[in-house]
Amino acid sequence: MYYPTHFAATTPNKVAFQLLGSGESVTYSQLEQRSNQAAQLFRSCGARTGDHILIVMENNRQFLEICFGADRAGLYYTAVNTHLLPHEVAYIARDCGAGIVITSRTFETLAAELRSTVDSVQHWFMVGTPIDGFASWHEFSSAQPSSRIVDEMQGLDMLYSSGTTGRPKGIKWPLLDQPPGRPTMLIDLLCGLYAYADTTRYLSPAPLYHAAPMRHTMTVIKRGGTAFIMEKFDAQTALAAIEAHRITHSQWVPTMFVRMLKLPEQQTRGYDLSSMTHAIHAAAPCPVDVKEKMIAWWGPIIYEYYAGTENNGFCAITTEEWLAHKGSVGPAILGELHICDEMGVELPVGSEGEIYFANGHPFSYHNDPEKTQASRNAQMWTTLGDIGVLDSDGFLYLTDRKSFLIISGGVNIYPQEIEDTILSHPAVADAAVIGIPNTDFGEEVKAVVQLLDPSMASDKLAAAIIDHCKATLSAFKCPRSVDFTAQLPRQPTGKLYKRLLRQQYQDEHNARTSPRVAGY
């Protein structure tokens, strides 16, 4: 049985998860009790199988207790990216049809605005001292029986896309007609790939509201392991945690690798990382030189996968496979890979095009049949809008996202290769490449760069970064200009809010080219 119930009976005092910042830990016995009480509270609020709840919280103790409660009550639980603006969160609350919202005092301003603008929610709870209009989660949940509800059913997360290229989309899988604790596609897939077991000690350095951190953490717990959760990522703290807690499994995004690799040597030297058997990364393409350095540092324990929250397909690659296919994210192990043109027609091996999966896991976009249909071609293969190439061995290489395409003078330019090149410059901490308006060419390539030392920003360094690109890239791909910024709008998953960057430059262009009105 894959559930805390089993381990609460066999190893009740074993730690199911621990918050690394606060040191607060929850045993399997406590998790069983509190998730039962959460499920009881949901039922007392009228939530039935197939209903929705919304979670707006930072990484804290109650987050997973609530998810496990919803997971055993047959509910869809939607965890919200806490970097979204109030109107974006309000849209998600309405769109998913949440009858219950649970937030924390950390987001009291956001919570108050939600409470005043979303009238479709029946029950509002707050972790911590509640503000007006909210009930205490602790008071109401702890008053519930700790016994299992009589109508347990397997629930599911229903998460929303990041909204980096438009309005977030709710990604909905069909509920399983089975009680919690039975094998599922996701548990079988992850455990088969990464050997999650009761001996696993898993480090999660990212926010739990994202798909991969939530799903992998819950899978580890369902298998009887222990998860160690960082409230906020810090490169040196993560390395220290691996040593202190004898971490066996961890999951990262490429920007975290970059942060660790660019730490001063005196801050990384001496950490004992020998306990780790699986260092998994995903969510964004990893530059080849970054991955080479990580393998040289950590050894052949680096695993990569490519998948979306939709899980319509899944590619995976080991260190050994990657060294033989550098830059690849692996072959498909869930679904069948196809590369198609703009009309959804399959292209020959070696051609660049949109990535489709056939016979993958079914999904739909909640309340959006048009977007659901747009993600399918005539064969009903599904796509996430990513661009890539298949080699003759069936290994996939990601190029970029279709929506990030720059068209300059009729030439298609994908930013990822340029960003990887800029990132290899020793002064650069992060980089984004976008297309900005150009009167003659339609668009031109602009690089927006975050430096390791912001005081180094200068015209001379901007020119040096462009020259750095010219040394390895075709001239038409190289940035025409470089701007410096203190912080790029990047999510903890590694995804950039390119929509915001492009809109900023579009607004500036419109302001320069708009006709002036007399007197203004």
Protein backbone atom coordinates (compact mmCIF):
# COMPACT_ATOMS: atom_id res chain seq x y z
CA MET A 1 0.00 0.00 0.00
CA TYR A 2 1.38 3.40 -1.04
CA TYR A 3 0.10 5.70 1.65
CA PRO A 4 0.92 7.14 5.09
CA THR A 5 -1.71 4.80 6.59
CA HIS A 6 0.54 1.80 6.07
CA PHE A 7 3.68 3.46 7.42
CA ALA A 8 1.80 5.03 10.34
CA ALA A 9 1.07 1.46 11.42
CA THR A 10 4.51 -0.05 10.71
CA THR A 11 6.88 2.88 11.43
CA PRO A 12 4.76 5.47 13.27
CA ASN A 13 7.68 7.49 14.67
CA LYS A 14 9.63 7.71 11.43
CA VAL A 15 9.87 11.24 10.00
CA ALA A 16 7.77 11.61 6.85
CA PHE A 17 9.05 15.11 6.11
CA GLN A 18 11.05 17.88 7.70
CA LEU A 19 11.28 21.62 7.00
CA LEU A 20 14.96 22.50 6.91
CA GLY A 21 14.66 26.17 7.83
CA SER A 22 12.46 25.77 10.90
CA GLY A 23 13.56 22.22 11.69
CA GLU A 24 9.91 21.24 12.17
CA SER A 25 9.26 17.59 11.37
CA VAL A 26 6.17 15.42 10.94
CA THR A 27 6.14 11.70 11.64
CA TYR A 28 4.07 9.19 9.70
CA SER A 29 1.73 8.86 12.65
CA GLN A 30 1.21 12.63 12.77
CA LEU A 31 0.73 12.86 9.02
CA GLU A 32 -1.88 10.10 9.10
CA GLN A 33 -3.77 11.85 11.90
CA ARG A 34 -3.65 15.34 10.40
CA SER A 35 -4.46 14.28 6.85
CA ASN A 36 -7.47 12.35 8.19
CA GLN A 37 -8.59 15.44 10.07
CA ALA A 38 -8.17 17.52 6.91
CA ALA A 39 -10.29 15.04 4.95
CA GLN A 40 -12.93 15.09 7.69
CA LEU A 41 -12.99 18.90 7.61
CA PHE A 42 -13.38 18.92 3.83
CA ARG A 43 -16.35 16.59 4.12
CA SER A 44 -17.88 18.74 6.88
CA CYS A 45 -17.62 21.71 4.51
CA GLY A 46 -19.59 19.79 1.92
CA ALA A 47 -16.69 18.86 -0.39
CA ARG A 48 -17.33 15.62 -2.23
CA THR A 49 -15.38 13.51 -4.70
CA GLY A 50 -14.40 15.60 -7.72
CA ASP A 51 -14.70 18.97 -5.96
CA HIS A 52 -11.87 21.51 -5.84
CA ILE A 53 -9.86 23.25 -3.15
CA LEU A 54 -7.30 26.05 -3.60
CA ILE A 55 -4.03 26.31 -1.63
CA VAL A 56 -2.14 29.62 -1.49
CA MET A 57 0.84 29.03 0.79
CA GLU A 58 4.58 28.99 1.12
CA ASN A 59 6.45 25.77 1.95
CA ASN A 60 5.23 25.03 5.46
CA ARG A 61 4.17 22.06 7.57
CA GLN A 62 0.47 22.29 6.79
CA PHE A 63 0.96 22.35 3.01
CA LEU A 64 1.58 18.61 2.66
CA GLU A 65 -0.90 17.68 5.40
CA ILE A 66 -3.60 19.48 3.42
CA CYS A 67 -2.54 17.87 0.12
CA PHE A 68 -2.63 14.40 1.65
CA GLY A 69 -6.05 15.17 3.14
CA ALA A 70 -7.42 16.19 -0.25
CA ASP A 71 -5.62 13.25 -1.87
CA ARG A 72 -7.59 10.79 0.29
CA ALA A 73 -10.90 12.63 -0.04
CA GLY A 74 -11.10 12.38 -3.84
CA LEU A 75 -10.63 16.12 -4.31
CA TYR A 76 -8.76 18.14 -6.91
CA TYR A 77 -6.24 20.29 -5.05
CA THR A 78 -4.90 23.35 -6.83
CA ALA A 79 -1.76 24.89 -5.36
CA VAL A 80 -1.11 28.41 -6.59
CA ASN A 81 2.14 30.07 -7.54
CA THR A 82 2.48 32.68 -4.80
CA HIS A 83 4.29 35.08 -7.16
CA LEU A 84 1.10 35.62 -9.15
CA LEU A 85 -0.74 38.91 -8.84
CA PRO A 86 -4.04 39.02 -6.90
CA HIS A 87 -6.19 39.20 -10.04
CA GLU A 88 -4.36 36.16 -11.47
CA VAL A 89 -4.99 34.13 -8.31
CA ALA A 90 -8.62 35.29 -8.31
CA TYR A 91 -8.98 34.06 -11.90
CA ILE A 92 -7.66 30.61 -10.90
CA ALA A 93 -9.95 30.44 -7.86
CA ARG A 94 -12.98 31.12 -10.05
CA ASP A 95 -11.82 29.00 -12.96
CA CYS A 96 -11.17 25.85 -10.93
CA GLY A 97 -14.44 26.29 -9.03
CA ALA A 98 -12.81 26.07 -5.61
CA GLY A 99 -15.31 25.78 -2.79
CA ILE A 100 -12.56 25.98 -0.15
CA VAL A 101 -9.51 28.26 -0.05
CA ILE A 102 -6.64 27.69 2.40
CA THR A 103 -3.93 30.31 2.70
CA SER A 104 -1.47 31.50 5.34
CA ARG A 105 -0.85 34.68 7.28
CA THR A 106 2.27 35.19 5.14
CA PHE A 107 -0.05 36.24 2.32
CA GLU A 108 -2.60 38.18 4.33
CA THR A 109 -2.73 41.10 1.87
CA LEU A 110 -3.35 38.79 -1.07
CA ALA A 111 -5.82 36.77 1.02
CA ALA A 112 -7.82 39.87 1.96
CA GLU A 113 -8.09 40.94 -1.68
CA LEU A 114 -9.17 37.46 -2.74
CA ARG A 115 -11.81 37.35 -0.02
CA SER A 116 -13.24 40.67 -1.19
CA THR A 117 -13.28 39.88 -4.92
CA VAL A 118 -14.08 36.15 -5.20
CA ASP A 119 -17.65 35.43 -4.08
CA SER A 120 -17.86 31.85 -5.38
CA VAL A 121 -15.86 30.35 -2.46
CA GLN A 122 -17.88 29.03 0.49
CA HIS A 123 -15.12 28.41 3.06
CA TRP A 124 -11.97 30.44 3.77
CA PHE A 125 -9.23 29.12 6.07
CA MET A 126 -5.90 30.57 7.19
CA VAL A 127 -2.81 28.90 8.65
CA GLY A 128 -1.58 31.08 11.48
CA THR A 129 -3.61 33.77 13.23
CA PRO A 130 -6.52 34.41 10.85
CA ILE A 131 -7.52 37.82 9.58
CA ASP A 132 -11.13 38.96 9.29
CA GLY A 133 -13.18 36.71 7.03
CA PHE A 134 -10.99 33.64 7.57
CA ALA A 135 -11.33 30.73 9.96
CA SER A 136 -8.34 29.20 11.75
CA TRP A 137 -7.16 26.10 9.88
CA HIS A 138 -5.57 24.72 13.04
CA GLU A 139 -8.66 25.27 15.21
CA PHE A 140 -11.12 23.72 12.77
CA SER A 141 -8.97 20.83 11.53
CA SER A 142 -7.73 19.75 14.98
CA ALA A 143 -11.35 19.57 16.19
CA GLN A 144 -12.13 16.90 13.59
CA PRO A 145 -11.99 13.12 14.22
CA SER A 146 -8.65 11.54 13.32
CA SER A 147 -10.36 8.47 11.86
CA ARG A 148 -10.50 7.88 8.11
CA ILE A 149 -13.54 9.16 6.25
CA VAL A 150 -15.87 6.35 5.17
CA ASP A 151 -15.85 7.27 1.47
CA GLU A 152 -12.13 7.62 0.78
CA MET A 153 -11.25 8.05 -2.89
CA GLN A 154 -8.01 8.86 -4.71
CA GLY A 155 -7.71 12.61 -5.33
CA LEU A 156 -5.42 14.45 -7.75
CA ASP A 157 -3.62 17.73 -8.05
CA MET A 158 -4.99 20.08 -10.71
CA LEU A 159 -2.23 22.58 -11.26
CA TYR A 160 -2.15 25.58 -13.55
CA SER A 161 0.47 26.30 -16.17
CA SER A 162 2.89 29.03 -15.22
CA GLY A 163 1.30 31.69 -17.38
CA THR A 164 4.73 32.74 -18.71
CA THR A 165 3.25 33.05 -22.20
CA GLY A 166 -0.38 33.88 -21.45
CA ARG A 167 -3.24 33.21 -19.05
CA PRO A 168 -2.64 30.11 -16.87
CA LYS A 169 -4.39 26.91 -17.92
CA GLY A 170 -5.76 24.38 -15.46
CA ILE A 171 -4.35 20.94 -16.32
CA LYS A 172 -6.89 18.29 -15.47
CA TRP A 173 -6.46 14.53 -15.37
CA PRO A 174 -9.46 12.23 -14.94
CA LEU A 175 -9.93 11.03 -11.36
CA LEU A 176 -9.04 7.42 -10.66
CA ASP A 177 -11.90 5.19 -9.58
CA GLN A 178 -9.98 3.67 -6.69
CA PRO A 179 -9.27 4.29 -3.00
CA PRO A 180 -5.99 5.99 -2.00
CA GLY A 181 -2.94 3.82 -1.53
CA ARG A 182 -3.25 1.82 -4.75
CA PRO A 183 -0.57 1.99 -7.46
CA THR A 184 -0.93 4.87 -9.92
CA MET A 185 0.75 5.68 -13.22
CA LEU A 186 2.79 8.45 -11.62
CA ILE A 187 4.02 6.39 -8.66
CA ASP A 188 4.96 3.46 -10.88
CA LEU A 189 6.75 5.77 -13.31
CA LEU A 190 8.79 7.72 -10.75
CA CYS A 191 9.66 4.73 -8.58
CA GLY A 192 10.68 2.72 -11.62
CA LEU A 193 12.97 5.50 -12.83
CA TYR A 194 14.48 6.71 -9.56
CA ALA A 195 14.10 3.79 -7.15
CA TYR A 196 12.13 5.75 -4.55
CA ALA A 197 11.72 3.49 -1.51
CA ASP A 198 11.47 3.55 2.29
CA THR A 199 15.22 4.19 2.44
CA THR A 200 14.99 7.35 0.31
CA ARG A 201 16.10 10.66 1.85
CA TYR A 202 14.86 13.24 -0.62
CA LEU A 203 15.86 16.91 -0.80
CA SER A 204 13.26 19.27 -2.30
CA PRO A 205 14.74 22.76 -2.74
CA ALA A 206 11.84 24.29 -4.69
CA PRO A 207 8.32 25.55 -3.88
CA LEU A 208 5.81 22.76 -3.37
CA TYR A 209 3.16 24.56 -5.42
CA HIS A 210 4.96 23.42 -8.58
CA ALA A 211 4.20 20.05 -10.13
CA ALA A 212 7.55 18.29 -9.83
CA PRO A 213 8.37 19.23 -6.20
CA MET A 214 4.85 18.35 -5.05
CA ARG A 215 4.54 15.10 -6.97
CA HIS A 216 8.02 13.76 -6.22
CA THR A 217 7.79 14.72 -2.53
CA MET A 218 4.40 13.05 -2.12
CA THR A 219 5.61 9.97 -3.99
CA VAL A 220 8.62 9.63 -1.67
CA ILE A 221 6.32 9.83 1.35
CA LYS A 222 3.85 7.37 -0.15
CA ARG A 223 6.76 4.95 -0.51
CA GLY A 224 7.80 5.40 3.12
CA GLY A 225 10.87 7.59 2.63
CA THR A 226 11.72 10.92 4.25
CA ALA A 227 11.52 14.28 2.46
CA PHE A 228 13.62 17.28 3.49
CA ILE A 229 12.06 20.51 2.28
CA MET A 230 13.81 23.84 1.90
CA GLU A 231 11.58 26.83 2.55
CA LYS A 232 13.73 28.78 0.09
CA PHE A 233 16.61 27.71 -2.13
CA ASP A 234 20.13 28.77 -1.23
CA ALA A 235 23.06 27.12 -3.01
CA GLN A 236 25.40 26.66 -0.07
CA THR A 237 22.59 25.69 2.32
CA ALA A 238 21.54 22.96 -0.13
CA LEU A 239 25.05 21.49 -0.23
CA ALA A 240 25.23 21.56 3.55
CA ALA A 241 21.84 19.80 3.77
CA ILE A 242 23.02 16.96 1.53
CA GLU A 243 25.90 16.29 3.88
CA ALA A 244 24.02 16.82 7.17
CA HIS A 245 21.00 14.67 6.28
CA ARG A 246 22.74 12.05 4.12
CA ILE A 247 20.48 12.86 1.20
CA THR A 248 20.10 10.04 -1.34
CA HIS A 249 17.83 11.75 -3.88
CA SER A 250 17.45 15.39 -4.88
CA GLN A 251 15.73 17.39 -7.62
CA TRP A 252 16.97 20.59 -9.23
CA VAL A 253 16.46 23.06 -12.03
CA PRO A 254 19.40 24.24 -14.16
CA THR A 255 19.52 27.69 -12.56
CA MET A 256 20.24 25.97 -9.23
CA PHE A 257 23.15 24.11 -10.84
CA VAL A 258 24.48 27.42 -12.12
CA ARG A 259 24.22 29.02 -8.66
CA MET A 260 26.10 26.12 -7.06
CA LEU A 261 28.79 26.03 -9.75
CA LYS A 262 29.42 29.76 -9.42
CA LEU A 263 29.87 29.70 -5.64
CA PRO A 264 33.43 30.57 -4.60
CA GLU A 265 35.51 27.43 -4.24
CA GLN A 266 36.03 27.99 -0.52
CA GLN A 267 32.23 27.72 -0.07
CA THR A 268 31.89 24.38 -1.88
CA ARG A 269 35.11 22.61 -0.95
CA GLY A 270 34.83 19.83 1.60
CA TYR A 271 31.12 18.98 1.51
CA ASP A 272 30.53 15.22 1.65
CA LEU A 273 27.99 14.47 -1.09
CA SER A 274 28.74 10.75 -1.28
CA SER A 275 25.32 9.68 0.04
CA MET A 276 23.56 10.90 -3.10
CA THR A 277 22.63 8.29 -5.69
CA HIS A 278 20.15 10.30 -7.78
CA ALA A 279 20.38 14.02 -8.62
CA ILE A 280 17.42 14.68 -10.87
CA HIS A 281 16.86 17.80 -12.94
CA ALA A 282 14.13 19.07 -15.26
CA ALA A 283 11.77 22.04 -15.87
CA ALA A 284 14.11 23.93 -18.23
CA PRO A 285 16.84 23.01 -20.73
CA CYS A 286 20.26 22.64 -19.12
CA PRO A 287 23.25 24.12 -20.99
CA VAL A 288 25.66 21.38 -22.04
CA ASP A 289 28.69 22.94 -20.33
CA VAL A 290 26.74 23.32 -17.06
CA LYS A 291 25.77 19.67 -17.09
CA GLU A 292 29.30 18.58 -17.95
CA LYS A 293 30.60 20.48 -14.93
CA MET A 294 27.95 18.97 -12.65
CA ILE A 295 28.84 15.45 -13.80
CA ALA A 296 32.52 16.17 -13.23
CA TRP A 297 31.69 17.40 -9.71
CA TRP A 298 28.97 14.96 -8.57
CA GLY A 299 29.73 11.94 -10.73
CA PRO A 300 27.43 9.77 -12.90
CA ILE A 301 24.37 10.29 -10.70
CA ILE A 302 22.75 13.07 -12.77
CA TYR A 303 19.33 12.12 -14.18
CA GLU A 304 17.28 14.35 -16.45
CA TYR A 305 13.71 14.16 -17.64
CA TYR A 306 11.46 16.14 -19.95
CA ALA A 307 7.75 16.36 -19.21
CA GLY A 308 5.09 18.93 -18.58
CA THR A 309 2.56 19.28 -15.82
CA GLU A 310 0.23 17.66 -18.35
CA ASN A 311 2.31 14.43 -18.29
CA ASN A 312 1.12 13.69 -21.82
CA GLY A 313 4.53 12.12 -22.39
CA PHE A 314 7.79 11.61 -20.55
CA CYS A 315 11.42 11.42 -21.68
CA ALA A 316 14.26 10.42 -19.37
CA ILE A 317 18.03 10.08 -19.65
CA THR A 318 20.83 8.81 -17.40
CA THR A 319 24.33 10.24 -17.14
CA GLU A 320 25.78 7.48 -19.29
CA GLU A 321 23.15 7.99 -21.99
CA TRP A 322 23.63 11.75 -21.90
CA LEU A 323 27.39 11.47 -22.36
CA ALA A 324 26.67 9.50 -25.54
CA HIS A 325 23.95 11.98 -26.64
CA LYS A 326 25.09 15.31 -25.20
CA GLY A 327 22.32 17.86 -24.99
CA SER A 328 19.53 15.29 -25.22
CA VAL A 329 16.69 14.84 -22.73
CA GLY A 330 16.42 11.17 -23.68
CA PRO A 331 14.01 8.84 -25.46
CA ALA A 332 10.31 8.60 -24.64
CA ILE A 333 9.42 6.19 -21.86
CA LEU A 334 5.79 7.34 -21.69
CA GLY A 335 4.06 8.01 -25.00
CA GLU A 336 5.60 7.95 -28.47
CA LEU A 337 7.61 10.89 -29.81
CA HIS A 338 6.86 12.64 -33.10
CA ILE A 339 8.25 15.87 -34.59
CA CYS A 340 5.70 17.75 -36.66
CA ASP A 341 5.46 20.88 -38.79
CA GLU A 342 3.13 23.81 -38.16
CA MET A 343 0.22 21.82 -39.63
CA GLY A 344 0.81 18.87 -37.29
CA VAL A 345 2.27 16.71 -40.08
CA GLU A 346 5.16 14.46 -39.05
CA LEU A 347 8.67 15.43 -40.21
CA PRO A 348 11.60 13.10 -40.95
CA VAL A 349 14.27 12.27 -38.35
CA GLY A 350 16.71 15.15 -37.86
CA SER A 351 14.14 17.84 -38.69
CA GLU A 352 13.34 20.60 -36.23
CA GLY A 353 9.68 21.01 -35.35
CA GLU A 354 7.01 20.88 -32.69
CA ILE A 355 7.20 17.96 -30.23
CA TYR A 356 4.15 15.68 -30.09
CA PHE A 357 3.41 12.58 -28.02
CA ALA A 358 1.11 9.77 -29.14
CA ASN A 359 -0.61 7.38 -26.73
CA GLY A 360 0.40 9.40 -23.67
CA HIS A 361 -1.48 10.11 -20.47
CA PRO A 362 -4.88 11.77 -21.14
CA PHE A 363 -5.41 15.36 -20.00
CA SER A 364 -7.50 18.40 -20.77
CA TYR A 365 -7.34 22.12 -20.03
CA HIS A 366 -10.07 22.90 -17.50
CA ASN A 367 -12.92 24.99 -18.89
CA ASP A 368 -11.01 25.54 -22.13
CA PRO A 369 -12.00 23.16 -24.92
CA GLU A 370 -10.36 25.40 -27.53
CA LYS A 371 -6.93 25.16 -25.87
CA THR A 372 -7.45 21.46 -25.34
CA GLN A 373 -8.20 21.00 -29.03
CA ALA A 374 -5.29 23.25 -30.05
CA SER A 375 -2.90 20.92 -28.20
CA ARG A 376 -3.87 18.05 -30.52
CA ASN A 377 -3.25 17.36 -34.20
CA ALA A 378 -5.34 15.34 -36.63
CA GLN A 379 -3.93 12.07 -35.23
CA MET A 380 -4.84 13.24 -31.69
CA TRP A 381 -1.20 13.42 -30.73
CA THR A 382 -0.64 16.09 -28.06
CA THR A 383 1.91 18.90 -27.77
CA LEU A 384 3.04 21.37 -25.10
CA GLY A 385 4.31 23.81 -27.72
CA ASP A 386 7.98 22.90 -27.36
CA ILE A 387 10.34 22.68 -30.33
CA GLY A 388 12.90 19.91 -30.76
CA VAL A 389 14.76 17.39 -32.91
CA LEU A 390 14.87 13.57 -32.80
CA ASP A 391 18.07 11.74 -33.68
CA SER A 392 18.26 8.34 -35.36
CA ASP A 393 18.40 6.62 -31.94
CA GLY A 394 15.11 8.19 -30.85
CA PHE A 395 16.73 10.68 -28.43
CA LEU A 396 15.05 14.07 -28.16
CA TYR A 397 16.90 17.40 -28.20
CA LEU A 398 14.97 20.49 -27.07
CA THR A 399 15.37 23.66 -29.10
CA ASP A 400 13.00 26.08 -27.37
CA ARG A 401 9.37 26.93 -26.92
CA LYS A 402 7.36 27.80 -30.01
CA SER A 403 6.03 30.91 -28.27
CA PHE A 404 9.56 32.23 -27.66
CA LEU A 405 10.44 32.21 -31.38
CA ILE A 406 12.07 35.40 -32.71
CA ILE A 407 11.49 36.18 -36.39
CA SER A 408 14.07 38.66 -37.66
CA GLY A 409 14.10 39.48 -41.36
CA GLY A 410 12.08 36.33 -42.05
CA VAL A 411 14.62 34.12 -40.23
CA ASN A 412 13.49 31.96 -37.29
CA ILE A 413 15.71 32.34 -34.21
CA TYR A 414 15.26 30.32 -31.02
CA PRO A 415 16.62 32.02 -27.88
CA GLN A 416 17.72 28.96 -25.86
CA GLU A 417 21.03 28.44 -27.68
CA ILE A 418 21.88 32.12 -27.33
CA GLU A 419 20.98 32.15 -23.63
CA ASP A 420 23.18 29.11 -23.01
CA THR A 421 26.10 30.85 -24.73
CA ILE A 422 25.68 34.05 -22.71
CA LEU A 423 25.39 32.04 -19.50
CA SER A 424 28.83 30.55 -20.13
CA HIS A 425 30.40 34.02 -19.80
CA PRO A 426 32.14 34.15 -16.39
CA ALA A 427 30.49 37.43 -15.36
CA VAL A 428 26.92 36.28 -16.04
CA ALA A 429 24.55 34.86 -13.43
CA ASP A 430 21.43 34.63 -15.61
CA ALA A 431 20.27 35.64 -19.08
CA ALA A 432 17.12 36.02 -21.14
CA VAL A 433 16.96 36.56 -24.89
CA ILE A 434 13.85 38.05 -26.47
CA GLY A 435 12.76 39.63 -29.70
CA ILE A 436 12.10 43.36 -29.60
CA PRO A 437 10.51 45.51 -32.33
CA ASN A 438 12.75 46.54 -35.24
CA THR A 439 11.43 48.76 -38.03
CA ASP A 440 13.48 47.12 -40.77
CA PHE A 441 13.51 43.45 -39.67
CA GLY A 442 10.31 43.13 -37.65
CA GLU A 443 12.24 41.94 -34.59
CA GLU A 444 15.82 42.03 -33.40
CA VAL A 445 17.61 39.94 -30.78
CA LYS A 446 17.90 41.57 -27.35
CA ALA A 447 19.76 40.04 -24.40
CA VAL A 448 18.77 40.95 -20.85
CA VAL A 449 21.52 39.91 -18.45
CA GLN A 450 21.79 39.51 -14.69
CA LEU A 451 25.41 39.75 -13.50
CA LEU A 452 27.10 37.99 -10.62
CA ASP A 453 28.39 41.42 -9.60
CA PRO A 454 25.91 44.13 -10.65
CA SER A 455 28.57 46.84 -10.25
CA MET A 456 30.37 45.43 -13.30
CA ALA A 457 27.59 46.57 -15.66
CA SER A 458 29.02 48.76 -18.44
CA ASP A 459 28.94 49.33 -22.18
CA LYS A 460 32.31 47.60 -22.39
CA LEU A 461 30.99 44.44 -20.73
CA ALA A 462 27.88 44.51 -22.95
CA ALA A 463 30.15 44.58 -26.00
CA ALA A 464 32.25 41.76 -24.55
CA ILE A 465 29.14 39.59 -24.09
CA ILE A 466 28.14 40.18 -27.73
CA ASP A 467 31.69 39.26 -28.83
CA HIS A 468 31.45 36.15 -26.67
CA CYS A 469 28.36 35.15 -28.66
CA LYS A 470 29.99 35.93 -32.00
CA ALA A 471 32.80 33.50 -31.19
CA THR A 472 30.44 30.50 -31.30
CA LEU A 473 27.13 31.57 -32.89
CA SER A 474 26.06 32.61 -36.36
CA ALA A 475 25.96 36.39 -36.74
CA PHE A 476 22.17 36.51 -37.20
CA LYS A 477 21.68 34.82 -33.78
CA CYS A 478 23.88 37.22 -31.82
CA PRO A 479 22.26 39.96 -29.72
CA ARG A 480 22.16 43.38 -31.31
CA SER A 481 22.21 44.87 -27.81
CA VAL A 482 22.55 43.88 -24.15
CA ASP A 483 20.71 45.37 -21.20
CA PHE A 484 21.57 44.65 -17.57
CA THR A 485 19.03 44.01 -14.83
CA ALA A 486 19.31 43.39 -11.09
CA GLN A 487 16.97 40.37 -11.23
CA LEU A 488 15.31 38.54 -14.07
CA PRO A 489 11.64 37.57 -13.53
CA ARG A 490 12.36 33.88 -13.21
CA GLN A 491 10.25 31.38 -11.29
CA PRO A 492 11.85 29.00 -8.80
CA THR A 493 11.22 26.25 -11.40
CA GLY A 494 13.64 28.00 -13.73
CA LYS A 495 10.98 29.33 -16.09
CA LEU A 496 11.27 32.94 -17.21
CA TYR A 497 8.32 35.28 -17.39
CA LYS A 498 9.35 36.25 -20.92
CA ARG A 499 5.90 37.63 -21.52
CA LEU A 500 6.65 40.37 -18.97
CA LEU A 501 10.04 41.18 -20.48
CA ARG A 502 8.70 41.36 -24.01
CA GLN A 503 5.73 43.46 -22.92
CA GLN A 504 8.07 45.94 -21.23
CA TYR A 505 10.05 46.50 -24.42
CA GLN A 506 6.90 46.56 -26.55
CA ASP A 507 5.43 49.26 -24.30
CA GLU A 508 8.63 51.31 -24.57
CA HIS A 509 8.60 50.93 -28.35
CA ASN A 510 4.94 51.97 -28.53
CA ALA A 511 5.64 55.02 -26.37
CA ARG A 512 8.46 56.12 -28.71
CA THR A 513 6.50 55.60 -31.92
CA SER A 514 3.03 56.77 -30.85
CA PRO A 515 2.00 60.14 -32.33
CA ARG A 516 2.11 62.98 -29.83
CA VAL A 517 -0.99 65.04 -29.05
CA ALA A 518 -0.60 68.82 -29.00
CA GLY A 519 -0.15 70.13 -25.47
CA TYR A 520 1.22 66.82 -24.09
